Protein backbone atom coordinates (compact mmCIF):
# COMPACT_ATOMS: atom_id res chain seq x y z
CA UNK A 1 -7.45 -42.39 86.56
CA UNK A 2 -9.08 -42.15 83.20
CA UNK A 3 -9.24 -39.00 81.17
CA UNK A 4 -11.98 -38.79 78.61
CA UNK A 5 -11.21 -36.92 75.47
CA UNK A 6 -13.89 -35.38 73.25
CA UNK A 7 -14.73 -32.30 71.22
CA UNK A 8 -14.67 -28.98 72.99
CA UNK A 9 -17.96 -27.32 72.55
CA UNK A 10 -18.20 -23.60 72.43
CA UNK A 11 -19.78 -20.71 70.51
CA UNK A 12 -17.70 -18.62 68.01
CA UNK A 13 -19.07 -15.16 67.78
CA UNK A 14 -18.68 -13.74 64.13
CA UNK A 15 -19.31 -10.06 64.83
CA UNK A 16 -15.65 -9.16 65.65
CA UNK A 17 -14.58 -10.47 62.24
CA UNK A 18 -17.37 -8.58 60.48
CA UNK A 19 -16.34 -5.41 62.29
CA UNK A 20 -12.70 -5.96 61.34
CA UNK A 21 -13.64 -6.52 57.67
CA UNK A 22 -15.69 -3.33 57.67
CA UNK A 23 -12.85 -1.30 59.16
CA UNK A 24 -10.42 -2.70 56.58
CA UNK A 25 -12.79 -2.01 53.72
CA UNK A 26 -13.41 1.55 54.92
CA UNK A 27 -9.73 2.16 55.25
CA UNK A 28 -9.10 0.71 51.77
CA UNK A 29 -11.79 2.89 50.24
CA UNK A 30 -10.41 5.97 51.92
CA UNK A 31 -6.89 5.16 50.81
CA UNK A 32 -8.07 4.63 47.24
CA UNK A 33 -10.03 7.86 47.22
CA UNK A 34 -6.90 9.74 48.45
CA UNK A 35 -4.86 8.38 45.53
CA UNK A 36 -7.39 9.23 42.80
CA UNK A 37 -8.04 12.51 41.05
CA UNK A 38 -10.70 13.71 38.66
CA UNK A 39 -10.16 15.09 35.16
CA UNK A 40 -13.03 16.78 33.29
CA UNK A 41 -12.71 16.95 29.48
CA UNK A 42 -14.09 20.08 27.81
CA UNK A 43 -13.64 19.29 24.12
CA UNK A 44 -14.72 21.03 20.92
CA UNK A 45 -16.60 19.29 19.35
CA UNK A 46 -18.14 17.87 22.47
CA UNK A 47 -20.69 15.44 21.00
CA UNK A 48 -18.67 12.66 19.33
CA UNK A 49 -15.05 12.89 20.45
CA UNK A 50 -13.07 9.89 21.66
CA UNK A 51 -9.94 9.65 23.77
CA UNK A 52 -7.22 6.99 24.17
CA UNK A 53 -5.92 6.96 27.75
CA UNK A 54 -2.29 6.05 28.35
CA UNK A 55 -2.18 4.24 24.95
CA UNK A 56 -4.34 1.39 26.33
CA UNK A 57 -7.99 2.36 26.80
CA UNK A 58 -10.36 4.01 24.36
CA UNK A 59 -13.05 6.06 26.11
CA UNK A 60 -15.84 8.48 25.41
CA UNK A 61 -16.41 9.71 28.91
CA UNK A 62 -16.22 13.41 29.79
CA UNK A 63 -15.18 12.84 33.43
CA UNK A 64 -12.25 10.51 34.21
CA UNK A 65 -11.22 9.24 37.62
CA UNK A 66 -7.45 8.68 37.39
CA UNK A 67 -4.61 7.82 39.67
CA UNK A 68 -2.19 10.50 40.70
CA UNK A 69 0.54 11.24 38.18
CA UNK A 70 0.96 12.00 34.49
CA UNK A 71 -1.48 10.58 32.00
CA UNK A 72 -1.25 10.66 28.24
CA UNK A 73 -4.45 11.62 26.41
CA UNK A 74 -4.93 11.36 22.67
CA UNK A 75 -8.20 12.95 21.56
CA UNK A 76 -9.97 12.73 18.22
CA UNK A 77 -13.32 13.42 16.57
CA UNK A 78 -14.58 12.85 13.02
CA UNK A 79 -13.13 15.31 10.53
CA UNK A 80 -10.67 16.56 13.23
CA UNK A 81 -6.97 16.00 13.85
CA UNK A 82 -5.61 14.00 16.75
CA UNK A 83 -4.45 16.07 19.71
CA UNK A 84 -1.79 14.44 21.92
CA UNK A 85 -1.21 15.83 25.38
CA UNK A 86 0.02 14.79 28.81
CA UNK A 87 -1.89 15.91 31.94
CA UNK A 88 -0.87 15.66 35.56
CA UNK A 89 -3.63 14.55 37.87
CA UNK A 90 -3.32 15.36 41.58
CA UNK A 91 -4.72 12.97 44.14
CA UNK A 92 -7.99 14.23 45.69
CA UNK A 93 -8.07 17.13 43.24
CA UNK A 94 -10.09 18.00 40.17
CA UNK A 95 -9.12 19.90 37.04
CA UNK A 96 -10.50 20.74 33.57
CA UNK A 97 -8.77 20.06 30.31
CA UNK A 98 -10.03 22.40 27.55
CA UNK A 99 -9.14 21.21 24.04
CA UNK A 100 -10.27 22.39 20.63
CA UNK A 101 -9.62 19.75 18.00
CA UNK A 102 -8.51 21.41 14.69
CA UNK A 103 -9.88 20.24 11.39
CA UNK A 104 -7.86 17.65 9.55
CA UNK A 105 -6.07 18.82 6.40
CA UNK A 106 -7.83 16.08 4.41
CA UNK A 107 -11.20 17.49 5.52
CA UNK A 108 -10.26 21.06 4.57
CA UNK A 109 -9.17 19.83 1.15
CA UNK A 110 -12.41 17.90 0.86
CA UNK A 111 -14.44 21.03 1.58
CA UNK A 112 -12.52 22.90 -1.14
CA UNK A 113 -13.06 20.02 -3.55
CA UNK A 114 -16.78 20.00 -2.77
CA UNK A 115 -16.98 23.75 -3.41
CA UNK A 116 -15.26 23.39 -6.75
CA UNK A 117 -17.51 20.43 -7.55
CA UNK A 118 -20.67 22.51 -6.91
CA UNK A 119 -19.30 25.43 -8.93
CA UNK A 120 -18.51 23.19 -11.91
CA UNK A 121 -21.87 21.48 -11.58
CA UNK A 122 -23.64 24.86 -11.56
CA UNK A 123 -21.69 26.07 -14.60
CA UNK A 124 -22.27 22.83 -16.51
CA UNK A 125 -25.98 23.18 -15.95
CA UNK A 126 -26.47 26.95 -15.85
CA UNK A 127 -24.75 27.90 -19.09
CA UNK A 128 -26.72 25.43 -21.32
CA UNK A 129 -29.88 26.43 -19.55
CA UNK A 130 -29.31 30.11 -20.19
CA UNK A 131 -28.49 29.35 -23.83
CA UNK A 132 -31.62 27.33 -24.27
CA UNK A 133 -33.75 30.01 -22.64
CA UNK A 134 -32.26 32.60 -24.97
CA UNK A 135 -32.89 30.37 -28.01
CA UNK A 136 -36.48 29.79 -26.90
CA UNK A 137 -37.05 33.51 -26.50
CA UNK A 138 -35.62 34.11 -29.98
CA UNK A 139 -37.82 31.41 -31.48
CA UNK A 140 -40.89 32.91 -29.76
CA UNK A 141 -40.11 36.36 -31.10
CA UNK A 142 -39.55 34.88 -34.60
CA UNK A 143 -42.88 33.13 -34.46
CA UNK A 144 -44.69 36.32 -33.43
CA UNK A 145 -42.98 38.16 -36.32
CA UNK A 146 -43.96 35.37 -38.69
CA UNK A 147 -47.61 35.57 -37.64
CA UNK A 148 -47.61 39.33 -37.95
CA UNK A 149 -46.12 39.22 -41.45
CA UNK A 150 -48.64 36.55 -42.50
CA UNK A 151 -51.56 38.59 -41.22
CA UNK A 152 -50.26 41.72 -42.99
CA UNK A 153 -50.00 39.82 -46.26
CA UNK A 154 -53.53 38.44 -45.78
CA UNK A 155 -54.87 41.95 -45.09
CA UNK A 156 -53.28 43.11 -48.32
CA UNK A 157 -55.00 40.36 -50.22
CA UNK A 158 -58.36 41.13 -48.65
CA UNK A 159 -57.96 44.79 -49.46
CA UNK A 160 -56.99 43.99 -53.03
CA UNK A 161 -60.08 41.86 -53.47
CA UNK A 162 -62.48 44.36 -51.91
CA UNK A 163 -61.01 47.64 -53.19
CA UNK A 164 -62.52 49.48 -56.19
CA UNK A 165 -59.93 52.26 -56.20
CA UNK A 166 -57.55 51.88 -59.19
CA UNK A 167 -54.79 53.88 -57.42
CA UNK A 168 -55.03 51.81 -54.28
CA UNK A 169 -54.98 48.56 -56.27
CA UNK A 170 -51.92 49.82 -58.19
CA UNK A 171 -50.14 50.68 -54.93
CA UNK A 172 -50.91 47.22 -53.57
CA UNK A 173 -49.53 45.50 -56.64
CA UNK A 174 -46.46 47.66 -57.15
CA UNK A 175 -45.40 48.47 -53.57
CA UNK A 176 -47.20 46.74 -50.73
CA UNK A 177 -47.48 43.20 -52.05
CA UNK A 178 -43.72 42.87 -52.93
CA UNK A 179 -42.58 44.46 -49.66
CA UNK A 180 -44.91 42.40 -47.47
CA UNK A 181 -44.08 39.22 -49.31
CA UNK A 182 -40.40 39.84 -48.66
CA UNK A 183 -41.15 40.50 -44.97
CA UNK A 184 -43.07 37.26 -44.79
CA UNK A 185 -40.27 35.33 -46.44
CA UNK A 186 -37.63 36.72 -44.06
CA UNK A 187 -39.81 36.04 -41.03
CA UNK A 188 -40.34 32.46 -42.23
CA UNK A 189 -36.60 31.88 -42.60
CA UNK A 190 -35.95 33.47 -39.18
CA UNK A 191 -38.54 31.20 -37.63
CA UNK A 192 -36.94 28.10 -39.11
CA UNK A 193 -33.44 29.14 -37.99
CA UNK A 194 -34.46 30.06 -34.44
CA UNK A 195 -36.46 26.88 -34.02
CA UNK A 196 -33.47 24.80 -35.10
CA UNK A 197 -31.15 26.67 -32.75
CA UNK A 198 -33.59 26.17 -29.89
CA UNK A 199 -33.84 22.46 -30.56
CA UNK A 200 -30.05 22.11 -30.64
CA UNK A 201 -29.68 24.11 -27.45
CA UNK A 202 -32.28 22.01 -25.71
CA UNK A 203 -30.53 18.77 -26.77
CA UNK A 204 -27.18 20.12 -25.50
CA UNK A 205 -28.78 21.10 -22.19
CA UNK A 206 -30.21 17.62 -21.67
CA UNK A 207 -26.80 16.12 -22.48
CA UNK A 208 -25.05 18.54 -20.12
CA UNK A 209 -27.42 17.70 -17.30
CA UNK A 210 -26.93 13.99 -17.70
CA UNK A 211 -23.18 14.37 -18.00
CA UNK A 212 -23.07 16.54 -14.84
CA UNK A 213 -25.18 14.08 -12.89
CA UNK A 214 -22.86 11.21 -13.84
CA UNK A 215 -19.84 12.89 -12.26
CA UNK A 216 -19.04 11.19 -8.95
CA UNK A 217 -19.35 13.18 -5.77
CA UNK A 218 -16.04 13.75 -4.00
CA UNK A 219 -15.56 11.28 -1.16
CA UNK A 220 -13.94 12.23 2.13
CA UNK A 221 -11.37 9.71 3.43
CA UNK A 222 -10.79 10.31 7.12
CA UNK A 223 -7.12 9.37 7.48
CA UNK A 224 -7.00 10.71 11.03
CA UNK A 225 -9.58 8.04 11.96
CA UNK A 226 -7.27 5.39 10.60
CA UNK A 227 -4.38 6.77 12.65
CA UNK A 228 -6.58 7.02 15.76
CA UNK A 229 -7.75 3.42 15.35
CA UNK A 230 -4.08 2.43 15.28
CA UNK A 231 -3.38 3.92 18.67
CA UNK A 232 -4.64 0.78 20.41
CA UNK A 233 -4.54 -2.86 19.39
CA UNK A 234 -7.58 -3.83 17.37
CA UNK A 235 -8.04 -7.61 17.29
CA UNK A 236 -9.20 -9.23 14.06
CA UNK A 237 -12.68 -10.68 13.56
CA UNK A 238 -11.38 -14.23 14.13
CA UNK A 239 -9.60 -13.27 17.36
CA UNK A 240 -6.20 -14.31 15.98
CA UNK A 241 -4.95 -11.34 13.98
CA UNK A 242 -5.15 -7.66 14.57
CA UNK A 243 -3.71 -4.28 13.59
CA UNK A 244 -1.31 -1.87 15.20
CA UNK A 245 -0.61 1.39 13.41
CA UNK A 246 1.65 4.21 14.48
CA UNK A 247 -0.16 7.54 14.86
CA UNK A 248 0.87 11.05 13.82
CA UNK A 249 -0.30 13.51 16.50
CA UNK A 250 -0.24 17.20 17.37
CA UNK A 251 1.37 18.18 20.68
CA UNK A 252 -0.89 20.46 22.67
CA UNK A 253 0.86 23.55 23.99
């Protein structure tokens, strides 16, 4: 008796395996959903804050899906201090974390320095300007007095040339001419002095403005940003080096 051997032909139906894979995937998704919780971040300021999660990941999201357990959050925003807190996330639950980031001491000092800078700038420009304005007003008044004295002296001369009264001519020669000449001389001296003072005040004002404009504006150095950047490893531009800096934080009560 001869037995012939050969391949066994048959049809393998794939749908049981597909069904099994779908059941396993559904079960895995449900299990994962049961071990995850949601944390919503309500931060002031809420437009540009960043957070380092568990010392590893730097994020900017407002809603975090986290595994159940304690998670360390370190939050920071420009001009603000780092706030360090630990939050417990419950599986399948959701909670809000409300945080107000306080201003950094360096930023508060910078604001005070800017205020003093503006005050000094205002004084350095305002005082010379007021002095120049006063000198200009004095020079204007002196010029008006000079013109008035000159016209009075010219009127006396016209009256002297046109008058036929001996008494009036004598009064002009003995009293009016000498007095008005002295008034004209004093007004002329006053005009020269006030004009000189105004010119000096204007020159000092120009110098004060230029000197004030050359003073450098106070620069804010955000040291908290440097500390926050050091919370996670930052690789160097060549991919070989990097930086790791310890951070000073504020515990959130």
